[in-house]
Amino acid sequence: MTTSFGTTTGTLTPTDPKIRFQSFTGLKSSNSIALTRNLRVFPLPFCTPTLIRAVSTPLKPETSTAEPKRSKVEIFKEQSNFIRYPLNEEIYTDTPNINEASTQLIKFHGSYQQYNRDERGTRSYSFMLRTKNPGGKVPNQLYLTMDDLADQFGIGTLRLTTRQTFQLHGVLKKDLKTVMSTIIRNMGSTLGACGDLNRNVLAPAAPFMTKEYKFAQETAENIAALLTPQSGFYYDVWVDGEKFMTSEPPEVVKARNDNSHGTNFPDSPEPIYGTQFLPRKFKIAVTVPTDNSVDILTNDIGVVVVFDEDGEPQGFNIYVGGGMGRTHRQETTFPRLGEQLGYVPKGDILYAIKAIVATQRDHGRRDDRKYSRMKYLISSWGIEKFRNVVEQYYGKKFEPFHELPEWEFKSFLGWHEQGDGALFCGLHVDNGRIGGKMKKTLREVIEKYNLNVRITPNQNLILCDIRSAWRRPITTVLAQAGLLHPRYVDPLNLTAMACPAFPLCPLAITEAERGIPDILKRVRAVFEKVGLKYSESIVIRVTGCPNGCARPYMAELGLVGDGPNSYQIWLGGTPNQTQLARTFMNKVKVQDLEKVFEPLFYYWKRKRQPKESFGDFTTRMGFEKLHELVDKWEGPVQSPVRYNLKPFADKETYEAMKELAKLQNKSPHQLAIEVIRNFVAAQQNGKSE
């Protein structure tokens, strides 16, 4: 068996009789440079459940002899031999599930254990796998592989996530190794897509060939490589230690190995993470000025490339401390926007990132996982103290933040020129779920034209590298599968997002993905009732629990599951995702949503300022006034109709449409207009675009 252990420690082979690791003596304080030199000797641990319980660790000055309280997950990590044991044994047992420790450890490998919550009685266990695709890049070969795996081992669908990755649901334990190894052997990886380490690094998905976009994508890939685990546990478990390491840029290797300022664990298989990895998940996004397709302020670290007048990259602005997760009715947990840390020159970005990660690693809470994200460390310390500590790991002072233009949300839907003579086509995918005829058609197009694809942070798909001559046939076949040009998609759907929630997510309190189609139709019906135009829209995001995977706290209207068939309503986000929403109402039953929506949208139409978004309107009006309007609502004031489109030629047609409309909870007029709109869209998409 060959085991990969990264560039700093070389490769261990079965002929090595023993391996030495330094004993654990606590995490390093920000100003300590002393290192322990106690060594313990362990038998080679790969063929037995012998545990490595310590690694080379910087010394923390002892202030108390009492052992600090740690969460159960911290103990699982410490005893796991770098995220191997007992998972490497559990995957071979006859049971359909894995034990508690392995359930936590498999997250680091990119998987969650789940069961179908729609079923009663015996639990039907399966596993969700999530890929790692920096910047959303998916090679042709990997897309076709994931498409095959969904049919052969999953539930027949692929899901595009809000972090530019695939999720593959419904994999049985007995098939895990086959599926994992197939992904690895086809240009993919799930390593670090979940767990207490750096997750997928976001970047604008548009394949523009400009200096700005290419540099942002390259930076995202380098950061992802820098923070990829090095100890080989992933390959040991899923491909029996076979190496699939790709070549890394020399600047990444240099930055990872540099320990000039005490960021590393010397002689450890995990020079940045050690045995304990990070206290919780860690999220990073990279973008260019104005492009907020990545929800930059919601990440632990937000990196913005700064360019000179000639478009040459000069350095980076860095935001820190964003994060969405919270717990209902615990005000000590909260969503938070990133704030300005400072600016670093172009060549320093990897060192600055590593310094921030080391600060969170050594100082983030490990006793209570509700408070373990970096946003709580910064909220506790304040940005000045946080900056001072990071600068000790960085070895330099941060320069002042450079001024940036206004942010814009960019979807990249529709047809665009890449800048190299080719085209790309952004496709709206409702809630990121690819299945049925859409899945079959996408595969045919991607396979026939040998296209690479990219996943966007809004759960959409971009087909890349399309020749001009292919545009018309691709447009026609996609339209026939329901993948329409964005002008023919309801504007409410274009910016809406939902997490999967029921039936497979163990954290879900109520519906999200399965519930949002009906919610959007009901919002559209309210829009029509109060006189808002079809072209008008708001950002709606729905999650089944308060963890916020679909980033509902940035939405103009966020619905967060807080009970069976019940939502907490959040208002006040902005279309460009730069303002945090706030809680407006608790425990609104799904059947009562119109009682809240109608007055809000009615008064937005009548009392808004020119071009004022719904989110800005709710903030300006204030929640006290909005509550008053909702409480006193008795229905819209009917104004005289100045014109009326009469789509019915005879009474029989009207009566038939009326019966159909009842089944869909619509008026005959609403259903008729929808039918006409869809017919026109289908006709238009049959022509060249």
Foldseek 3Di string as FASTA:
>chain_A
DWFFLFDQADTDDPVPQKDKFAADAAAADLPDDDWDDHIDIDGDCQPHLAFQQFHGHRHHPDPDPDDDFFDPLLNLLRRCNNLAPPLLVQLPDPDFDGDDSNQQSCQQQAKHWWFFQVDDDDTDIAMKGKWADAQQWFALQLLLLLQVCLVPAAVFKWFQFLLNIIIGHRGTSNCVLVSQVSQLVRPIGSRRCGHQFEHHEHEHNALAPAPFRVVQSVVRVLLCVLGGQRGRSNCCRRVVNDDSDDDHDPLSVVLSPDCPQNQFRRPGSGGRQTSRGFLGYFYEYEYEFQELLNLQFQGQKRWYFDADPVRHTWWIWIWHQAHFFAAPPPVLAGGGTTDTLAIDTPSQPSQLVSLLSSCLRRPADRNDSSRRRVNNVCVVVPSVVSSVSSCSSSVHHGHHGDDGDHHAYDQQAAWDDNHPQFIKHKWQDQQLMQRDLRSVLVSVVCVVVVWIWGATSQNIIMTDRHHPVCQQVNLLSNVVSVRFRVVLDQPQRSQEHEDCAPGIDPAFAEGTSVPVVLVSVVLVQLCVQLPHDSPDYFHEYEYRARNCSNVQQQGQWYWHRDHYQFTFIWHQHDNRSPDTTDTQDGGDHNVCVCLLSNQLSNCCVVPPDVPDGSNNVDVVCDSVNSVVSSVPDDGDDDDDDPDDDDPDPDPVVLVVLQVVQVVSVHHSVVVSVSVVSSVVRSVVSNGRD
